[in-house]
Amino acid sequence: MIEQQIKDAIRDIHDFPKPGIIFKDITPILKDPELCHNITEAFMEQVKEMKIDAIAGVESRGFLFGLTLATRLGIPFIPVRKAGKLPYTVNQKIYELEYGTATIEIHTDAFNPGDRILIHDDLLATGGTVTATSELIKDMGGEVAGFSFVVGLSFLNGREKIEPINDNIIILADY
């Protein structure tokens, strides 16, 4: 089962990035081409009936399987980046973090109004970044088709935060 394969590969890093946090490190997955293939296939199985015009991958680990999935589906990939990282004109969204604010950006020509966008990231924690991403996509005239994640941390209640946006939420391995 893909969930157990993912959990077996993930490495827990204690006290990263600050004391008290147990970071779920997905980089060991990247050393295993067969597991990467299985993850892509699991996503493909779950999105095959969805109408998706593009996939928006959240910087930076959302690029990994987001691009692979978009390529397999034959649709565009939209990089969602931190402020100042995209070279062309951008639309941006400033959002609240636990301590302060952050800004994400998408190129102004990344998709067409009315396009249905699947938002992808490696991990769903509190849902703050993907909520901001969905707001930016809506501000740009797009529609959120759903969300996909390799890992979810259900104890942080991110799912409850994003369900009102779209309840089509794919999480391959939940903690």
N, C-alpha and C. Protein backbone atom coordinates (compact mmCIF):
# COMPACT_ATOMS: atom_id res chain seq x y z
N MET A 1 0.84 -1.19 0.00
CA MET A 1 0.00 0.00 0.00
C MET A 1 0.88 1.25 0.00
N ILE A 2 0.51 2.23 -0.80
CA ILE A 2 1.36 3.42 -0.99
C ILE A 2 1.56 4.19 0.31
N GLU A 3 0.53 4.26 1.14
CA GLU A 3 0.68 5.01 2.40
C GLU A 3 1.80 4.43 3.25
N GLN A 4 1.85 3.11 3.38
CA GLN A 4 2.90 2.50 4.20
C GLN A 4 4.27 2.66 3.55
N GLN A 5 4.34 2.57 2.22
CA GLN A 5 5.62 2.77 1.53
C GLN A 5 6.16 4.17 1.81
N ILE A 6 5.28 5.16 1.77
CA ILE A 6 5.69 6.54 2.03
C ILE A 6 6.16 6.69 3.47
N LYS A 7 5.36 6.17 4.40
CA LYS A 7 5.71 6.29 5.82
C LYS A 7 7.02 5.57 6.15
N ASP A 8 7.26 4.45 5.48
CA ASP A 8 8.52 3.73 5.71
C ASP A 8 9.73 4.53 5.21
N ALA A 9 9.53 5.35 4.19
CA ALA A 9 10.64 6.11 3.60
C ALA A 9 10.89 7.44 4.32
N ILE A 10 9.86 8.04 4.86
CA ILE A 10 10.01 9.37 5.47
C ILE A 10 10.87 9.29 6.73
N ARG A 11 11.71 10.31 6.87
CA ARG A 11 12.62 10.39 8.00
C ARG A 11 12.13 11.50 8.93
N ASP A 12 12.02 11.21 10.21
CA ASP A 12 11.66 12.23 11.20
C ASP A 12 12.92 12.95 11.67
N ILE A 13 12.89 14.27 11.61
CA ILE A 13 14.00 15.09 12.09
C ILE A 13 13.48 15.88 13.29
N HIS A 14 13.98 15.55 14.46
CA HIS A 14 13.52 16.19 15.69
C HIS A 14 14.16 17.58 15.84
N ASP A 15 13.34 18.51 16.34
CA ASP A 15 13.77 19.88 16.64
C ASP A 15 14.22 20.65 15.39
N PHE A 16 13.57 20.38 14.27
CA PHE A 16 13.84 21.13 13.04
C PHE A 16 12.52 21.64 12.49
N PRO A 17 12.42 22.89 12.13
CA PRO A 17 13.44 23.94 12.11
C PRO A 17 13.62 24.64 13.46
N LYS A 18 12.82 24.22 14.46
CA LYS A 18 12.99 24.82 15.79
C LYS A 18 12.63 23.77 16.83
N PRO A 19 13.04 23.97 18.08
CA PRO A 19 12.78 22.99 19.13
C PRO A 19 11.29 22.66 19.26
N GLY A 20 11.03 21.37 19.45
CA GLY A 20 9.66 20.90 19.63
C GLY A 20 8.98 20.43 18.36
N ILE A 21 9.57 20.74 17.21
CA ILE A 21 8.99 20.33 15.92
C ILE A 21 9.61 19.00 15.50
N ILE A 22 8.78 18.11 14.99
CA ILE A 22 9.27 16.89 14.35
C ILE A 22 8.99 17.05 12.85
N PHE A 23 10.03 17.31 12.10
CA PHE A 23 9.94 17.57 10.67
C PHE A 23 9.84 16.25 9.91
N LYS A 24 8.87 16.15 9.01
CA LYS A 24 8.71 14.97 8.17
C LYS A 24 9.51 15.21 6.88
N ASP A 25 10.66 14.58 6.79
CA ASP A 25 11.59 14.78 5.68
C ASP A 25 11.26 13.79 4.55
N ILE A 26 10.81 14.32 3.41
CA ILE A 26 10.46 13.45 2.28
C ILE A 26 11.65 13.15 1.37
N THR A 27 12.82 13.76 1.63
CA THR A 27 13.93 13.57 0.69
C THR A 27 14.36 12.11 0.53
N PRO A 28 14.22 11.24 1.54
CA PRO A 28 14.56 9.83 1.28
C PRO A 28 13.69 9.19 0.19
N ILE A 29 12.49 9.69 -0.01
CA ILE A 29 11.62 9.19 -1.09
C ILE A 29 12.31 9.40 -2.43
N LEU A 30 13.00 10.51 -2.58
CA LEU A 30 13.61 10.88 -3.85
C LEU A 30 14.76 9.95 -4.24
N LYS A 31 15.29 9.20 -3.29
CA LYS A 31 16.36 8.23 -3.58
C LYS A 31 15.81 6.93 -4.16
N ASP A 32 14.49 6.80 -4.16
CA ASP A 32 13.85 5.54 -4.55
C ASP A 32 12.97 5.76 -5.80
N PRO A 33 13.53 5.55 -6.99
CA PRO A 33 12.77 5.79 -8.22
C PRO A 33 11.47 4.99 -8.29
N GLU A 34 11.49 3.77 -7.78
CA GLU A 34 10.27 2.95 -7.82
C GLU A 34 9.19 3.56 -6.94
N LEU A 35 9.54 4.04 -5.77
CA LEU A 35 8.56 4.69 -4.90
C LEU A 35 8.06 5.98 -5.54
N CYS A 36 8.93 6.75 -6.15
CA CYS A 36 8.49 7.97 -6.86
C CYS A 36 7.49 7.62 -7.95
N HIS A 37 7.77 6.56 -8.68
CA HIS A 37 6.84 6.09 -9.71
C HIS A 37 5.50 5.70 -9.08
N ASN A 38 5.55 4.96 -7.98
CA ASN A 38 4.32 4.52 -7.31
C ASN A 38 3.50 5.70 -6.79
N ILE A 39 4.18 6.72 -6.30
CA ILE A 39 3.49 7.93 -5.83
C ILE A 39 2.80 8.62 -7.00
N THR A 40 3.52 8.76 -8.10
CA THR A 40 2.93 9.38 -9.29
C THR A 40 1.71 8.58 -9.75
N GLU A 41 1.83 7.27 -9.78
CA GLU A 41 0.71 6.42 -10.20
C GLU A 41 -0.48 6.55 -9.25
N ALA A 42 -0.21 6.66 -7.96
CA ALA A 42 -1.30 6.83 -6.99
C ALA A 42 -2.03 8.14 -7.22
N PHE A 43 -1.29 9.20 -7.48
CA PHE A 43 -1.92 10.48 -7.81
C PHE A 43 -2.71 10.37 -9.12
N MET A 44 -2.12 9.74 -10.13
CA MET A 44 -2.79 9.59 -11.43
C MET A 44 -4.13 8.87 -11.26
N GLU A 45 -4.14 7.84 -10.47
CA GLU A 45 -5.38 7.08 -10.24
C GLU A 45 -6.45 7.97 -9.61
N GLN A 46 -6.05 8.83 -8.71
CA GLN A 46 -7.04 9.65 -7.99
C GLN A 46 -7.49 10.88 -8.77
N VAL A 47 -6.70 11.35 -9.72
CA VAL A 47 -7.10 12.55 -10.46
C VAL A 47 -7.66 12.25 -11.84
N LYS A 48 -7.67 10.98 -12.24
CA LYS A 48 -8.03 10.65 -13.62
C LYS A 48 -9.43 11.09 -14.01
N GLU A 49 -10.35 11.18 -13.08
CA GLU A 49 -11.72 11.60 -13.39
C GLU A 49 -11.94 13.10 -13.19
N MET A 50 -10.94 13.79 -12.68
CA MET A 50 -11.07 15.22 -12.43
C MET A 50 -10.83 16.02 -13.71
N LYS A 51 -11.53 17.15 -13.82
CA LYS A 51 -11.24 18.08 -14.92
C LYS A 51 -10.23 19.08 -14.39
N ILE A 52 -9.00 18.97 -14.86
CA ILE A 52 -7.91 19.82 -14.41
C ILE A 52 -7.26 20.44 -15.65
N ASP A 53 -7.10 21.76 -15.64
CA ASP A 53 -6.45 22.44 -16.75
C ASP A 53 -4.97 22.69 -16.49
N ALA A 54 -4.57 22.72 -15.21
CA ALA A 54 -3.17 22.95 -14.85
C ALA A 54 -2.95 22.53 -13.40
N ILE A 55 -1.69 22.34 -13.05
CA ILE A 55 -1.33 22.04 -11.66
C ILE A 55 -0.42 23.15 -11.15
N ALA A 56 -0.78 23.70 -9.99
CA ALA A 56 0.03 24.71 -9.33
C ALA A 56 0.82 24.04 -8.21
N GLY A 57 2.13 24.03 -8.34
CA GLY A 57 3.00 23.43 -7.33
C GLY A 57 3.57 24.51 -6.44
N VAL A 58 3.45 24.29 -5.13
CA VAL A 58 3.90 25.27 -4.14
C VAL A 58 5.38 25.04 -3.84
N GLU A 59 6.15 26.13 -3.90
CA GLU A 59 7.60 26.09 -3.67
C GLU A 59 7.92 25.44 -2.34
N SER A 60 8.90 24.66 -2.31
CA SER A 60 9.67 24.13 -3.42
C SER A 60 9.39 22.64 -3.61
N ARG A 61 9.03 21.96 -2.55
CA ARG A 61 8.82 20.52 -2.68
C ARG A 61 7.54 20.18 -3.44
N GLY A 62 6.64 21.15 -3.58
CA GLY A 62 5.45 20.93 -4.40
C GLY A 62 5.79 20.85 -5.87
N PHE A 63 7.01 21.25 -6.24
CA PHE A 63 7.45 21.16 -7.63
C PHE A 63 7.75 19.70 -8.01
N LEU A 64 8.18 18.91 -7.03
CA LEU A 64 8.70 17.57 -7.32
C LEU A 64 7.66 16.69 -8.01
N PHE A 65 6.57 16.39 -7.33
CA PHE A 65 5.55 15.53 -7.92
C PHE A 65 4.53 16.34 -8.71
N GLY A 66 4.41 17.64 -8.42
CA GLY A 66 3.49 18.48 -9.18
C GLY A 66 3.86 18.53 -10.65
N LEU A 67 5.13 18.75 -10.94
CA LEU A 67 5.58 18.80 -12.33
C LEU A 67 5.45 17.43 -12.99
N THR A 68 5.83 16.40 -12.28
CA THR A 68 5.71 15.04 -12.83
C THR A 68 4.26 14.72 -13.18
N LEU A 69 3.36 15.05 -12.28
CA LEU A 69 1.94 14.79 -12.51
C LEU A 69 1.42 15.61 -13.68
N ALA A 70 1.76 16.89 -13.74
CA ALA A 70 1.32 17.73 -14.85
C ALA A 70 1.84 17.19 -16.18
N THR A 71 3.08 16.76 -16.21
CA THR A 71 3.67 16.22 -17.43
C THR A 71 2.92 14.95 -17.85
N ARG A 72 2.66 14.08 -16.90
CA ARG A 72 1.92 12.84 -17.21
C ARG A 72 0.52 13.13 -17.72
N LEU A 73 -0.12 14.18 -17.18
CA LEU A 73 -1.48 14.53 -17.60
C LEU A 73 -1.49 15.35 -18.89
N GLY A 74 -0.32 15.84 -19.31
CA GLY A 74 -0.23 16.66 -20.51
C GLY A 74 -0.83 18.04 -20.33
N ILE A 75 -0.68 18.59 -19.11
CA ILE A 75 -1.22 19.92 -18.80
C ILE A 75 -0.10 20.81 -18.26
N PRO A 76 -0.29 22.13 -18.25
CA PRO A 76 0.74 23.03 -17.75
C PRO A 76 0.99 22.88 -16.25
N PHE A 77 2.21 23.22 -15.88
CA PHE A 77 2.62 23.31 -14.48
C PHE A 77 2.83 24.77 -14.13
N ILE A 78 2.29 25.21 -12.99
CA ILE A 78 2.39 26.59 -12.54
C ILE A 78 3.23 26.63 -11.27
N PRO A 79 4.42 27.21 -11.32
CA PRO A 79 5.19 27.34 -10.08
C PRO A 79 4.64 28.48 -9.22
N VAL A 80 4.37 28.16 -7.96
CA VAL A 80 3.95 29.16 -6.97
C VAL A 80 5.19 29.41 -6.13
N ARG A 81 5.71 30.65 -6.19
CA ARG A 81 7.00 30.93 -5.59
C ARG A 81 6.92 31.99 -4.51
N LYS A 82 7.95 32.01 -3.69
CA LYS A 82 8.11 33.09 -2.72
C LYS A 82 8.41 34.38 -3.47
N ALA A 83 8.14 35.49 -2.82
CA ALA A 83 8.32 36.80 -3.45
C ALA A 83 9.73 36.98 -3.98
N GLY A 84 9.81 37.54 -5.19
CA GLY A 84 11.09 37.89 -5.78
C GLY A 84 11.79 36.77 -6.52
N LYS A 85 11.17 35.62 -6.65
CA LYS A 85 11.82 34.47 -7.30
C LYS A 85 11.41 34.28 -8.76
N LEU A 86 10.29 34.86 -9.18
CA LEU A 86 9.83 34.71 -10.56
C LEU A 86 10.30 35.90 -11.39
N PRO A 87 10.80 35.67 -12.61
CA PRO A 87 11.43 36.73 -13.38
C PRO A 87 10.48 37.63 -14.18
N TYR A 88 9.24 37.22 -14.36
CA TYR A 88 8.31 37.97 -15.20
C TYR A 88 7.32 38.71 -14.28
N THR A 89 6.36 39.41 -14.87
CA THR A 89 5.37 40.12 -14.05
C THR A 89 4.53 39.09 -13.28
N VAL A 90 4.17 39.47 -12.06
CA VAL A 90 3.50 38.53 -11.16
C VAL A 90 2.28 39.15 -10.51
N ASN A 91 1.40 38.28 -10.07
CA ASN A 91 0.37 38.62 -9.09
C ASN A 91 0.85 38.01 -7.79
N GLN A 92 0.53 38.68 -6.68
CA GLN A 92 1.02 38.17 -5.41
C GLN A 92 -0.06 38.20 -4.35
N LYS A 93 0.17 37.39 -3.33
CA LYS A 93 -0.73 37.32 -2.19
C LYS A 93 0.12 37.33 -0.93
N ILE A 94 -0.20 38.26 -0.03
CA ILE A 94 0.45 38.32 1.28
C ILE A 94 -0.48 37.62 2.25
N TYR A 95 0.08 36.75 3.07
CA TYR A 95 -0.75 36.01 4.01
C TYR A 95 -0.06 35.90 5.37
N GLU A 96 -0.87 35.62 6.37
CA GLU A 96 -0.39 35.56 7.75
C GLU A 96 0.24 34.21 8.05
N LEU A 97 1.34 34.26 8.75
CA LEU A 97 1.98 33.08 9.30
C LEU A 97 1.81 33.12 10.82
N GLU A 98 2.25 32.07 11.48
CA GLU A 98 2.17 32.05 12.93
C GLU A 98 2.87 33.26 13.54
N TYR A 99 4.02 33.62 12.95
CA TYR A 99 4.77 34.79 13.42
C TYR A 99 5.14 35.64 12.22
N GLY A 100 4.29 36.57 11.84
CA GLY A 100 4.59 37.46 10.73
C GLY A 100 3.78 37.16 9.49
N THR A 101 4.34 37.53 8.34
CA THR A 101 3.65 37.33 7.06
C THR A 101 4.60 36.72 6.04
N ALA A 102 4.01 36.22 4.97
CA ALA A 102 4.78 35.71 3.84
C ALA A 102 4.06 36.14 2.57
N THR A 103 4.77 36.08 1.45
CA THR A 103 4.19 36.45 0.16
C THR A 103 4.49 35.36 -0.85
N ILE A 104 3.45 35.00 -1.60
CA ILE A 104 3.62 34.07 -2.72
C ILE A 104 3.28 34.78 -4.01
N GLU A 105 3.84 34.28 -5.11
CA GLU A 105 3.62 34.91 -6.41
C GLU A 105 3.39 33.86 -7.49
N ILE A 106 2.63 34.28 -8.52
CA ILE A 106 2.40 33.48 -9.72
C ILE A 106 2.53 34.43 -10.90
N HIS A 107 3.16 33.96 -11.98
CA HIS A 107 3.25 34.78 -13.19
C HIS A 107 1.85 35.16 -13.68
N THR A 108 1.72 36.38 -14.16
CA THR A 108 0.42 36.89 -14.61
C THR A 108 -0.14 36.09 -15.79
N ASP A 109 0.72 35.45 -16.56
CA ASP A 109 0.26 34.67 -17.72
C ASP A 109 0.30 33.16 -17.48
N ALA A 110 0.30 32.74 -16.22
CA ALA A 110 0.46 31.32 -15.89
C ALA A 110 -0.73 30.46 -16.31
N PHE A 111 -1.93 31.04 -16.35
CA PHE A 111 -3.12 30.30 -16.76
C PHE A 111 -4.17 31.28 -17.25
N ASN A 112 -5.20 30.75 -17.85
CA ASN A 112 -6.30 31.56 -18.38
C ASN A 112 -7.44 31.66 -17.38
N PRO A 113 -8.16 32.77 -17.37
CA PRO A 113 -9.34 32.87 -16.52
C PRO A 113 -10.29 31.70 -16.79
N GLY A 114 -10.83 31.15 -15.74
CA GLY A 114 -11.73 30.01 -15.85
C GLY A 114 -11.04 28.67 -15.78
N ASP A 115 -9.71 28.63 -15.89
CA ASP A 115 -9.00 27.36 -15.80
C ASP A 115 -9.19 26.74 -14.42
N ARG A 116 -9.28 25.42 -14.42
CA ARG A 116 -9.42 24.64 -13.17
C ARG A 116 -8.03 24.17 -12.76
N ILE A 117 -7.60 24.60 -11.58
CA ILE A 117 -6.24 24.37 -11.13
C ILE A 117 -6.23 23.42 -9.93
N LEU A 118 -5.43 22.36 -10.01
CA LEU A 118 -5.16 21.49 -8.87
C LEU A 118 -3.94 22.05 -8.15
N ILE A 119 -4.08 22.33 -6.86
CA ILE A 119 -2.97 22.85 -6.06
C ILE A 119 -2.26 21.67 -5.42
N HIS A 120 -0.94 21.60 -5.64
CA HIS A 120 -0.16 20.47 -5.13
C HIS A 120 0.98 20.95 -4.23
N ASP A 121 1.17 20.25 -3.12
CA ASP A 121 2.33 20.48 -2.26
C ASP A 121 2.75 19.14 -1.68
N ASP A 122 3.95 19.09 -1.12
CA ASP A 122 4.41 17.83 -0.55
C ASP A 122 3.67 17.49 0.73
N LEU A 123 3.32 18.52 1.53
CA LEU A 123 2.79 18.26 2.86
C LEU A 123 1.72 19.27 3.23
N LEU A 124 0.61 18.76 3.79
CA LEU A 124 -0.44 19.62 4.33
C LEU A 124 -0.27 19.66 5.84
N ALA A 125 0.02 20.86 6.35
CA ALA A 125 0.14 21.06 7.80
C ALA A 125 -1.06 21.90 8.25
N THR A 126 -0.87 23.20 8.42
CA THR A 126 -1.97 24.06 8.86
C THR A 126 -2.84 24.55 7.71
N GLY A 127 -2.35 24.42 6.48
CA GLY A 127 -3.12 24.83 5.31
C GLY A 127 -2.96 26.28 4.92
N GLY A 128 -2.14 27.02 5.62
CA GLY A 128 -2.00 28.46 5.35
C GLY A 128 -1.50 28.80 3.96
N THR A 129 -0.46 28.12 3.52
CA THR A 129 0.12 28.45 2.21
C THR A 129 -0.80 28.04 1.07
N VAL A 130 -1.42 26.86 1.17
CA VAL A 130 -2.31 26.46 0.07
C VAL A 130 -3.61 27.26 0.08
N THR A 131 -4.02 27.75 1.24
CA THR A 131 -5.17 28.66 1.29
C THR A 131 -4.83 29.95 0.57
N ALA A 132 -3.66 30.50 0.86
CA ALA A 132 -3.23 31.72 0.17
C ALA A 132 -3.09 31.47 -1.33
N THR A 133 -2.57 30.31 -1.71
CA THR A 133 -2.45 29.96 -3.12
C THR A 133 -3.82 29.91 -3.78
N SER A 134 -4.79 29.32 -3.11
CA SER A 134 -6.13 29.24 -3.68
C SER A 134 -6.74 30.63 -3.83
N GLU A 135 -6.51 31.51 -2.87
CA GLU A 135 -7.02 32.88 -2.96
C GLU A 135 -6.39 33.62 -4.12
N LEU A 136 -5.09 33.43 -4.32
CA LEU A 136 -4.40 34.07 -5.44
C LEU A 136 -4.93 33.55 -6.77
N ILE A 137 -5.13 32.26 -6.87
CA ILE A 137 -5.68 31.67 -8.10
C ILE A 137 -7.07 32.25 -8.38
N LYS A 138 -7.90 32.34 -7.37
CA LYS A 138 -9.23 32.91 -7.55
C LYS A 138 -9.15 34.38 -7.94
N ASP A 139 -8.25 35.13 -7.30
CA ASP A 139 -8.06 36.55 -7.64
C ASP A 139 -7.67 36.71 -9.11
N MET A 140 -6.97 35.73 -9.66
CA MET A 140 -6.50 35.77 -11.05
C MET A 140 -7.53 35.20 -12.02
N GLY A 141 -8.70 34.81 -11.50
CA GLY A 141 -9.77 34.31 -12.37
C GLY A 141 -9.82 32.81 -12.54
N GLY A 142 -8.97 32.10 -11.82
CA GLY A 142 -8.98 30.64 -11.90
C GLY A 142 -9.94 30.02 -10.90
N GLU A 143 -10.11 28.72 -11.04
CA GLU A 143 -10.96 27.96 -10.13
C GLU A 143 -10.12 26.85 -9.52
N VAL A 144 -10.27 26.64 -8.22
CA VAL A 144 -9.53 25.58 -7.55
C VAL A 144 -10.27 24.26 -7.77
N ALA A 145 -9.61 23.33 -8.46
CA ALA A 145 -10.20 22.02 -8.76
C ALA A 145 -10.02 21.05 -7.61
N GLY A 146 -9.08 21.32 -6.72
CA GLY A 146 -8.80 20.44 -5.59
C GLY A 146 -7.38 20.63 -5.12
N PHE A 147 -6.99 19.74 -4.22
CA PHE A 147 -5.66 19.79 -3.61
C PHE A 147 -5.07 18.39 -3.59
N SER A 148 -3.75 18.29 -3.71
CA SER A 148 -3.09 17.00 -3.57
C SER A 148 -1.80 17.17 -2.77
N PHE A 149 -1.55 16.17 -1.92
CA PHE A 149 -0.39 16.18 -1.02
C PHE A 149 0.17 14.78 -0.90
N VAL A 150 1.47 14.66 -0.78
CA VAL A 150 2.09 13.37 -0.49
C VAL A 150 1.77 13.00 0.96
N VAL A 151 1.89 13.98 1.87
CA VAL A 151 1.73 13.73 3.31
C VAL A 151 0.77 14.75 3.91
N GLY A 152 -0.01 14.31 4.87
CA GLY A 152 -0.87 15.20 5.65
C GLY A 152 -0.61 15.01 7.14
N LEU A 153 -0.59 16.10 7.86
CA LEU A 153 -0.47 16.06 9.32
C LEU A 153 -1.82 16.43 9.91
N SER A 154 -2.69 15.44 10.06
CA SER A 154 -4.09 15.71 10.41
C SER A 154 -4.23 16.41 11.76
N PHE A 155 -3.29 16.22 12.66
CA PHE A 155 -3.37 16.85 13.99
C PHE A 155 -3.21 18.37 13.93
N LEU A 156 -2.81 18.91 12.78
CA LEU A 156 -2.68 20.37 12.62
C LEU A 156 -3.91 20.99 11.95
N ASN A 157 -4.89 20.16 11.59
CA ASN A 157 -6.20 20.62 11.11
C ASN A 157 -6.19 21.40 9.81
N GLY A 158 -5.20 21.18 8.96
CA GLY A 158 -5.16 21.87 7.67
C GLY A 158 -6.31 21.48 6.76
N ARG A 159 -6.70 20.21 6.82
CA ARG A 159 -7.81 19.73 5.98
C ARG A 159 -9.08 20.53 6.26
N GLU A 160 -9.37 20.77 7.53
CA GLU A 160 -10.56 21.52 7.91
C GLU A 160 -10.50 22.96 7.38
N LYS A 161 -9.31 23.49 7.27
CA LYS A 161 -9.15 24.86 6.77
C LYS A 161 -9.41 24.94 5.27
N ILE A 162 -8.99 23.92 4.51
CA ILE A 162 -9.12 24.00 3.06
C ILE A 162 -10.39 23.35 2.51
N GLU A 163 -11.06 22.53 3.29
CA GLU A 163 -12.29 21.88 2.80
C GLU A 163 -13.34 22.87 2.30
N PRO A 164 -13.53 24.03 2.97
CA PRO A 164 -14.51 24.98 2.43
C PRO A 164 -14.14 25.53 1.05
N ILE A 165 -12.86 25.51 0.70
CA ILE A 165 -12.41 25.99 -0.61
C ILE A 165 -12.78 24.95 -1.66
N ASN A 166 -12.40 23.72 -1.40
CA ASN A 166 -12.76 22.59 -2.25
C ASN A 166 -12.48 21.32 -1.45
N ASP A 167 -13.47 20.46 -1.36
CA ASP A 167 -13.30 19.26 -0.53
C ASP A 167 -12.70 18.08 -1.29
N ASN A 168 -12.23 18.34 -2.51
CA ASN A 168 -11.52 17.33 -3.27
C ASN A 168 -10.06 17.38 -2.85
N ILE A 169 -9.74 16.61 -1.80
CA ILE A 169 -8.41 16.66 -1.18
C ILE A 169 -7.79 15.27 -1.22
N ILE A 170 -6.65 15.15 -1.85
CA ILE A 170 -5.93 13.89 -1.95
C ILE A 170 -4.73 13.96 -1.01
N ILE A 171 -4.66 13.02 -0.10
CA ILE A 171 -3.50 12.88 0.80
C ILE A 171 -3.09 11.41 0.76
N LEU A 172 -1.88 11.14 0.31
CA LEU A 172 -1.45 9.74 0.16
C LEU A 172 -1.06 9.09 1.48
N ALA A 173 -0.45 9.85 2.39
CA ALA A 173 -0.04 9.30 3.69
C ALA A 173 -0.39 10.32 4.77
N ASP A 174 -1.26 9.92 5.68
CA ASP A 174 -1.72 10.83 6.72
C ASP A 174 -1.18 10.43 8.09
N TYR A 175 -0.76 11.43 8.85
CA TYR A 175 -0.27 11.21 10.21
C TYR A 175 -1.24 11.85 11.18
